[in-house]
Amino acid sequence: MKMKTALTIAGSDSLSGAGIQEDLKVFSALGVYGTCVVTAVTAQNTKGVWKIEILPETIISKQVDSVLGDVQVDAVKTGMLCTGKIIELVYEKLKKYKLVNLVVDPVMVSTSGTELLNLNPGSLKILKKLIGISKITTPNVYEAEILSGIKIKNPGDMKSAAKKIGSCIITGGDFDDEIYDLLFHDDEFYVFKNKKIDARIHGTGCTFSAAITANLAYGNDVLTSVKNAEKFTPELIEHNFSIGQGDMKVLNPFINSEKILIIENLKSAVKKLISDENSYKLIPQVGINIVMALFNAKKISDVAGISGRIVRDRKKLVPVGSVKFGGSSHIGRVVLTAMKYNSEARAAMNIKFSGDILKICKKLNLKISGFERDQQPEDTKTMEWGTRTAIENLGYVPDVIYDKGGFGKEAMIRIIGKDAGGVVDAACKIGRLLE
């Protein structure tokens, strides 16, 4: 079976948060082989765009011929095309090679406000010509206003603009504290609403249009491709992160790959724990759970754990339930709180409390802190408050957080580390030293 292939024709981003670099990452994350044609080289970072060098049309033309004259490309997307002459060149080449699955991202201005397309009546006319041979175009509100000549102030204006543009999805409508995307295709409207994120995020348009392109490469129709991209992109936006000194955030298209790796790490850790001959000594009455969070985790569904618990059967441990994201709210909240103080503290597990175990932890040079349940303020959640208190008492995230229990609450020790395998290794060392 041939691997699906996509082509991006766009500018190069030195930050790799947008442009061809982001497109290629998205293609790869979605299982599509990516090829590229570079139209311009930019010098940019999280603070802004500092320099743009537009490549000669001869080398752009040669790149297109080199790829399309050799590779069977299943879908194409265009991004930063810079000038009317380059748009004309791309239009003629795509017509020559009879490419059907074309996505036009009509890039005009960068997130930082730098002009990326020389807008004049001539370039706008040929851009509309290119859009005319596309399956879909993906303008944001500003770009849709330029293409349609309609000022967009409400959802009704978006519909009017979309009808004038043709098959398109207008993104980024900011109405009623929601982000409102409007798809117009085959004379039908489809609305997608997403949570508003208060941050300057680089590369969202590239990511979204590349996701549509990858889906078209698989043979999906436009509506299915857009729906899939609308599921893929908001999760990346929610998990935006800082990479430099400026306030511009970037995305991680490989979040689904990261989830797979975390699940495998967690399954391996569970297997290691239940196969250890001393681990039964560590089990509390409520059982054990082990969790590991995504990089930049925000909520319980970003933390993988066991949907049940690991329980004791004589001198053996038996996992009950499956490993999945959102599997453990209790220990998951420990990790989410710890990550606010140390982003590398992404894994945790609970074991039973005893004075002997605390002594072993000290012997192993583990950093220890604790909290007292009877000091917990009203209207607070124990795991968040207790974890925060233990960390702030010590001044940093410890390896071990304990409490001595309370009325109806079992005393407990929580081991915290960088990954699930690491916390289980620590637990197994404790078990071997426990009489």
Foldseek 3Di string as FASTA:
>chain_A
DDAAEEEEEWAAEPQLQATPSLLCLLLVLLRYHYDYQHQWYWDDDQAGTDDIGGDDLVSSLVSLCVDLVPDDHLAYEYEQQAELVSLQSVQVSCVVSVHQAYEYADYAAFLNGHGRHPDDPNSLVSSLVSLVRHLEYEAEQVVLCVNQVFRDDDPVSVVVSDVRSAQYKYWQDCDPQWTWIWGAHPNDIDIDIHHDDPAREGHLSRSLRSQLRSVSSVVDHNVVSNVVSSVQRRVQVVQWDDDDDHRYTGGNSNQVVQQVVQQVLQVVLVVVLQPQQLNLVFADPQAKKKKFADQSDDDQQRIWMFLGHFDDDPRGTDRDHGIHRSSDPQVSLLQNLQCVQPSQQGMKMKTADDPLLVVVCVVVVWFEFEDEPVPDDPPDDCSNVTSVVRQVVVVHRTQKYWYPADVVGGTMIMGIGRGSNVSSVVSSSSSVPDD
